[in-house]
Amino acid sequence: MSNMARLEEIVARLPETTRVDVEAWDGEPTFRVRNKAFVFTDPEARAIRVKLSKEEADAVVATDPGAEPAGYGLGRHGWVHIQVGDRPGDDRWQEITEWVRTSYTLVAPRRLAERVM
């Protein structure tokens, strides 16, 4: 299964999500809840950008060699750019699932976020 298929499977388990490919960014895929992005990625999903609490973002950046604060100043708000790789193992997918769910809960309206907490 491709990275994108696996990522789409993770996102599909979250309420009211949609994929939006942003034409202005050469079709870069984003995943959104009520039009608010909670995951940015590339077409092959070799890397993701997710929103985490500032504390968790700092911890991920400090402990994961494939993670860094997101560009465009978003890192100071908890957005993290994380390398997924070409063939991530099950442990990496568990981390990715947790980060995607966390990002969703921080971006989604409270009523929806409470359904996955």
N, C-alpha and C. Protein backbone atom coordinates (compact mmCIF):
# COMPACT_ATOMS: atom_id res chain seq x y z
N MET A 1 0.85 -1.18 0.00
CA MET A 1 0.00 0.00 0.00
C MET A 1 0.90 1.24 0.00
N SER A 2 0.55 2.22 -0.80
CA SER A 2 1.35 3.44 -0.89
C SER A 2 1.20 4.28 0.38
N ASN A 3 2.16 5.17 0.60
CA ASN A 3 2.07 6.08 1.74
C ASN A 3 0.78 6.90 1.69
N MET A 4 0.45 7.41 0.49
CA MET A 4 -0.75 8.24 0.38
C MET A 4 -2.00 7.43 0.70
N ALA A 5 -2.08 6.21 0.22
CA ALA A 5 -3.24 5.37 0.52
C ALA A 5 -3.36 5.12 2.02
N ARG A 6 -2.23 4.89 2.66
CA ARG A 6 -2.23 4.65 4.10
C ARG A 6 -2.64 5.91 4.86
N LEU A 7 -2.10 7.06 4.45
CA LEU A 7 -2.47 8.32 5.09
C LEU A 7 -3.96 8.61 4.89
N GLU A 8 -4.46 8.40 3.70
CA GLU A 8 -5.89 8.61 3.44
C GLU A 8 -6.75 7.69 4.30
N GLU A 9 -6.29 6.49 4.54
CA GLU A 9 -7.00 5.54 5.40
C GLU A 9 -7.08 6.07 6.83
N ILE A 10 -5.97 6.62 7.33
CA ILE A 10 -5.93 7.19 8.68
C ILE A 10 -6.90 8.35 8.79
N VAL A 11 -6.83 9.26 7.82
CA VAL A 11 -7.68 10.45 7.83
C VAL A 11 -9.16 10.08 7.70
N ALA A 12 -9.47 9.06 6.93
CA ALA A 12 -10.86 8.66 6.70
C ALA A 12 -11.56 8.24 7.99
N ARG A 13 -10.82 7.86 9.01
CA ARG A 13 -11.41 7.46 10.29
C ARG A 13 -11.83 8.66 11.15
N LEU A 14 -11.49 9.86 10.69
CA LEU A 14 -11.80 11.07 11.46
C LEU A 14 -13.05 11.74 10.88
N PRO A 15 -13.92 12.27 11.73
CA PRO A 15 -15.19 12.84 11.25
C PRO A 15 -15.01 14.08 10.36
N GLU A 16 -15.82 14.14 9.32
CA GLU A 16 -15.97 15.30 8.45
C GLU A 16 -14.66 15.78 7.81
N THR A 17 -13.84 14.86 7.36
CA THR A 17 -12.58 15.24 6.73
C THR A 17 -12.70 15.19 5.21
N THR A 18 -11.91 16.03 4.56
CA THR A 18 -11.84 16.04 3.11
C THR A 18 -10.40 16.24 2.68
N ARG A 19 -10.11 15.78 1.48
CA ARG A 19 -8.81 16.04 0.87
C ARG A 19 -8.99 17.18 -0.12
N VAL A 20 -8.11 18.16 -0.05
CA VAL A 20 -8.12 19.29 -0.98
C VAL A 20 -6.72 19.42 -1.55
N ASP A 21 -6.61 19.28 -2.87
CA ASP A 21 -5.33 19.48 -3.55
C ASP A 21 -5.25 20.94 -3.95
N VAL A 22 -4.27 21.64 -3.44
CA VAL A 22 -4.17 23.09 -3.62
C VAL A 22 -3.46 23.40 -4.94
N GLU A 23 -4.22 23.90 -5.89
CA GLU A 23 -3.68 24.21 -7.22
C GLU A 23 -2.52 25.21 -7.15
N ALA A 24 -2.65 26.22 -6.30
CA ALA A 24 -1.61 27.25 -6.19
C ALA A 24 -0.29 26.68 -5.69
N TRP A 25 -0.33 25.50 -5.07
CA TRP A 25 0.88 24.84 -4.57
C TRP A 25 1.19 23.61 -5.40
N ASP A 26 0.97 23.70 -6.71
CA ASP A 26 1.22 22.59 -7.64
C ASP A 26 0.45 21.33 -7.27
N GLY A 27 -0.76 21.51 -6.78
CA GLY A 27 -1.61 20.37 -6.45
C GLY A 27 -1.26 19.67 -5.15
N GLU A 28 -0.53 20.35 -4.26
CA GLU A 28 -0.14 19.72 -2.99
C GLU A 28 -1.38 19.31 -2.20
N PRO A 29 -1.43 18.04 -1.77
CA PRO A 29 -2.58 17.57 -1.00
C PRO A 29 -2.60 18.13 0.42
N THR A 30 -3.79 18.48 0.85
CA THR A 30 -4.03 18.83 2.25
C THR A 30 -5.23 18.02 2.72
N PHE A 31 -5.29 17.80 4.00
CA PHE A 31 -6.46 17.15 4.59
C PHE A 31 -7.07 18.14 5.56
N ARG A 32 -8.39 18.28 5.48
CA ARG A 32 -9.08 19.34 6.20
C ARG A 32 -10.31 18.83 6.94
N VAL A 33 -10.65 19.58 7.96
CA VAL A 33 -11.90 19.39 8.66
C VAL A 33 -12.60 20.74 8.64
N ARG A 34 -13.78 20.76 8.05
CA ARG A 34 -14.54 22.01 7.88
C ARG A 34 -13.67 23.12 7.30
N ASN A 35 -12.94 22.77 6.27
CA ASN A 35 -12.09 23.67 5.50
C ASN A 35 -10.87 24.20 6.25
N LYS A 36 -10.54 23.63 7.40
CA LYS A 36 -9.33 23.99 8.13
C LYS A 36 -8.34 22.85 7.97
N ALA A 37 -7.16 23.16 7.45
CA ALA A 37 -6.15 22.13 7.20
C ALA A 37 -5.54 21.63 8.51
N PHE A 38 -5.41 20.30 8.60
CA PHE A 38 -4.72 19.71 9.74
C PHE A 38 -3.56 18.83 9.30
N VAL A 39 -3.44 18.52 8.01
CA VAL A 39 -2.29 17.81 7.45
C VAL A 39 -1.98 18.41 6.08
N PHE A 40 -0.71 18.71 5.88
CA PHE A 40 -0.19 19.08 4.57
C PHE A 40 0.79 17.98 4.18
N THR A 41 0.85 17.62 2.91
CA THR A 41 1.76 16.57 2.48
C THR A 41 2.15 16.78 1.03
N ASP A 42 3.00 15.92 0.53
CA ASP A 42 3.35 15.92 -0.89
C ASP A 42 2.54 14.81 -1.56
N PRO A 43 2.50 14.78 -2.89
CA PRO A 43 1.65 13.79 -3.57
C PRO A 43 1.95 12.33 -3.22
N GLU A 44 3.17 12.02 -2.84
CA GLU A 44 3.52 10.64 -2.46
C GLU A 44 3.47 10.41 -0.95
N ALA A 45 3.18 11.46 -0.19
CA ALA A 45 3.12 11.40 1.28
C ALA A 45 4.44 10.88 1.87
N ARG A 46 5.54 11.40 1.37
CA ARG A 46 6.86 11.06 1.93
C ARG A 46 7.19 11.92 3.13
N ALA A 47 6.42 13.00 3.31
CA ALA A 47 6.58 13.88 4.47
C ALA A 47 5.21 14.48 4.77
N ILE A 48 5.00 14.83 6.03
CA ILE A 48 3.75 15.47 6.43
C ILE A 48 4.09 16.69 7.29
N ARG A 49 3.15 17.62 7.33
CA ARG A 49 3.20 18.73 8.26
C ARG A 49 1.91 18.67 9.06
N VAL A 50 2.08 18.64 10.37
CA VAL A 50 0.94 18.54 11.28
C VAL A 50 1.08 19.55 12.40
N LYS A 51 -0.04 19.89 13.01
CA LYS A 51 -0.04 20.81 14.16
C LYS A 51 -0.06 19.98 15.44
N LEU A 52 0.86 20.31 16.34
CA LEU A 52 0.94 19.67 17.65
C LEU A 52 0.95 20.77 18.70
N SER A 53 0.73 20.39 19.95
CA SER A 53 0.90 21.39 21.00
C SER A 53 2.36 21.84 20.95
N LYS A 54 2.64 23.03 21.40
CA LYS A 54 4.01 23.55 21.36
C LYS A 54 4.97 22.61 22.08
N GLU A 55 4.55 22.08 23.21
CA GLU A 55 5.40 21.18 23.99
C GLU A 55 5.68 19.88 23.23
N GLU A 56 4.63 19.30 22.64
CA GLU A 56 4.81 18.06 21.89
C GLU A 56 5.64 18.31 20.64
N ALA A 57 5.42 19.43 19.97
CA ALA A 57 6.20 19.77 18.79
C ALA A 57 7.68 19.87 19.14
N ASP A 58 7.98 20.54 20.23
CA ASP A 58 9.38 20.66 20.67
C ASP A 58 9.98 19.29 20.97
N ALA A 59 9.21 18.41 21.61
CA ALA A 59 9.70 17.07 21.94
C ALA A 59 9.93 16.25 20.68
N VAL A 60 9.02 16.31 19.72
CA VAL A 60 9.18 15.56 18.48
C VAL A 60 10.41 16.04 17.73
N VAL A 61 10.59 17.35 17.62
CA VAL A 61 11.75 17.90 16.92
C VAL A 61 13.04 17.50 17.63
N ALA A 62 13.03 17.47 18.96
CA ALA A 62 14.23 17.12 19.72
C ALA A 62 14.59 15.64 19.64
N THR A 63 13.60 14.77 19.43
CA THR A 63 13.87 13.33 19.49
C THR A 63 13.79 12.60 18.16
N ASP A 64 13.19 13.22 17.15
CA ASP A 64 13.02 12.54 15.86
C ASP A 64 13.93 13.20 14.82
N PRO A 65 14.92 12.47 14.33
CA PRO A 65 15.84 13.07 13.36
C PRO A 65 15.18 13.49 12.05
N GLY A 66 14.00 13.01 11.77
CA GLY A 66 13.28 13.37 10.55
C GLY A 66 12.28 14.49 10.75
N ALA A 67 12.35 15.18 11.88
CA ALA A 67 11.38 16.23 12.18
C ALA A 67 12.07 17.57 12.37
N GLU A 68 11.37 18.62 11.94
CA GLU A 68 11.86 19.98 12.14
C GLU A 68 10.65 20.91 12.19
N PRO A 69 10.82 22.09 12.79
CA PRO A 69 9.70 23.03 12.79
C PRO A 69 9.31 23.35 11.34
N ALA A 70 8.03 23.48 11.09
CA ALA A 70 7.54 23.80 9.75
C ALA A 70 7.99 25.19 9.35
N GLY A 71 8.15 25.38 8.06
CA GLY A 71 8.58 26.66 7.53
C GLY A 71 7.50 27.73 7.56
N TYR A 72 7.84 28.87 6.98
CA TYR A 72 6.93 30.02 6.88
C TYR A 72 6.49 30.53 8.26
N GLY A 73 7.30 30.29 9.29
CA GLY A 73 6.98 30.76 10.62
C GLY A 73 5.93 29.94 11.35
N LEU A 74 5.47 28.86 10.72
CA LEU A 74 4.43 28.04 11.35
C LEU A 74 4.97 27.21 12.51
N GLY A 75 6.27 26.95 12.51
CA GLY A 75 6.86 26.16 13.58
C GLY A 75 6.64 26.77 14.95
N ARG A 76 6.62 28.07 15.04
CA ARG A 76 6.43 28.71 16.35
C ARG A 76 5.01 28.51 16.88
N HIS A 77 4.12 28.02 16.02
CA HIS A 77 2.74 27.75 16.43
C HIS A 77 2.47 26.25 16.58
N GLY A 78 3.54 25.45 16.58
CA GLY A 78 3.39 24.01 16.81
C GLY A 78 3.34 23.15 15.56
N TRP A 79 3.45 23.75 14.37
CA TRP A 79 3.44 22.96 13.14
C TRP A 79 4.81 22.33 12.95
N VAL A 80 4.83 21.04 12.63
CA VAL A 80 6.06 20.28 12.49
C VAL A 80 6.09 19.59 11.13
N HIS A 81 7.23 19.64 10.48
CA HIS A 81 7.47 18.93 9.21
C HIS A 81 8.17 17.63 9.56
N ILE A 82 7.56 16.50 9.21
CA ILE A 82 8.07 15.18 9.61
C ILE A 82 8.27 14.32 8.37
N GLN A 83 9.46 13.76 8.23
CA GLN A 83 9.75 12.83 7.14
C GLN A 83 9.06 11.50 7.43
N VAL A 84 8.32 11.01 6.47
CA VAL A 84 7.66 9.71 6.59
C VAL A 84 8.58 8.64 6.01
N GLY A 85 9.23 8.96 4.90
CA GLY A 85 10.11 8.00 4.23
C GLY A 85 9.37 7.26 3.13
N ASP A 86 10.10 6.41 2.42
CA ASP A 86 9.51 5.66 1.31
C ASP A 86 8.78 4.41 1.75
N ARG A 87 9.28 3.74 2.76
CA ARG A 87 8.67 2.49 3.23
C ARG A 87 8.69 2.44 4.76
N PRO A 88 7.88 3.28 5.40
CA PRO A 88 7.88 3.30 6.86
C PRO A 88 7.32 2.01 7.44
N GLY A 89 7.86 1.62 8.59
CA GLY A 89 7.40 0.42 9.26
C GLY A 89 6.17 0.69 10.11
N ASP A 90 5.66 -0.34 10.73
CA ASP A 90 4.45 -0.23 11.54
C ASP A 90 4.61 0.75 12.70
N ASP A 91 5.80 0.77 13.33
CA ASP A 91 6.02 1.70 14.44
C ASP A 91 5.90 3.14 13.96
N ARG A 92 6.45 3.43 12.79
CA ARG A 92 6.37 4.79 12.25
C ARG A 92 4.92 5.14 11.92
N TRP A 93 4.17 4.20 11.39
CA TRP A 93 2.76 4.47 11.08
C TRP A 93 1.95 4.70 12.34
N GLN A 94 2.31 4.06 13.44
CA GLN A 94 1.62 4.32 14.71
C GLN A 94 1.88 5.75 15.16
N GLU A 95 3.14 6.21 15.01
CA GLU A 95 3.46 7.60 15.35
C GLU A 95 2.69 8.56 14.45
N ILE A 96 2.69 8.29 13.16
CA ILE A 96 2.00 9.15 12.20
C ILE A 96 0.51 9.23 12.53
N THR A 97 -0.08 8.08 12.85
CA THR A 97 -1.50 8.06 13.21
C THR A 97 -1.76 8.95 14.42
N GLU A 98 -0.91 8.85 15.42
CA GLU A 98 -1.07 9.67 16.62
C GLU A 98 -0.93 11.16 16.29
N TRP A 99 0.06 11.51 15.49
CA TRP A 99 0.27 12.92 15.13
C TRP A 99 -0.89 13.47 14.32
N VAL A 100 -1.39 12.67 13.39
CA VAL A 100 -2.53 13.12 12.56
C VAL A 100 -3.76 13.33 13.45
N ARG A 101 -4.02 12.40 14.34
CA ARG A 101 -5.17 12.53 15.24
C ARG A 101 -5.02 13.76 16.15
N THR A 102 -3.83 13.98 16.66
CA THR A 102 -3.58 15.15 17.51
C THR A 102 -3.80 16.43 16.73
N SER A 103 -3.25 16.49 15.52
CA SER A 103 -3.43 17.67 14.68
C SER A 103 -4.92 17.92 14.43
N TYR A 104 -5.64 16.87 14.12
CA TYR A 104 -7.09 16.97 13.90
C TYR A 104 -7.78 17.58 15.12
N THR A 105 -7.46 17.06 16.31
CA THR A 105 -8.14 17.54 17.52
C THR A 105 -7.81 19.00 17.83
N LEU A 106 -6.65 19.47 17.41
CA LEU A 106 -6.28 20.86 17.65
C LEU A 106 -6.92 21.82 16.64
N VAL A 107 -7.29 21.32 15.48
CA VAL A 107 -7.83 22.16 14.42
C VAL A 107 -9.36 22.06 14.32
N ALA A 108 -9.89 20.89 14.59
CA ALA A 108 -11.33 20.66 14.44
C ALA A 108 -12.15 21.43 15.48
N PRO A 109 -13.39 21.72 15.14
CA PRO A 109 -14.28 22.28 16.16
C PRO A 109 -14.38 21.32 17.35
N ARG A 110 -14.56 21.87 18.52
CA ARG A 110 -14.54 21.07 19.75
C ARG A 110 -15.46 19.85 19.69
N ARG A 111 -16.67 20.04 19.18
CA ARG A 111 -17.65 18.94 19.12
C ARG A 111 -17.10 17.75 18.33
N LEU A 112 -16.42 18.04 17.23
CA LEU A 112 -15.83 16.96 16.43
C LEU A 112 -14.59 16.40 17.10
N ALA A 113 -13.75 17.26 17.64
CA ALA A 113 -12.53 16.81 18.30
C ALA A 113 -12.83 15.86 19.46
N GLU A 114 -13.87 16.15 20.19
CA GLU A 114 -14.25 15.31 21.33
C GLU A 114 -14.62 13.89 20.90
N ARG A 115 -15.04 13.73 19.66
CA ARG A 115 -15.43 12.40 19.17
C ARG A 115 -14.23 11.49 18.94
N VAL A 116 -13.03 12.05 18.85
CA VAL A 116 -11.84 11.21 18.62
C VAL A 116 -10.87 11.24 19.79
N MET A 117 -11.19 11.99 20.82
CA MET A 117 -10.30 12.07 21.98
C MET A 117 -10.49 10.89 22.91
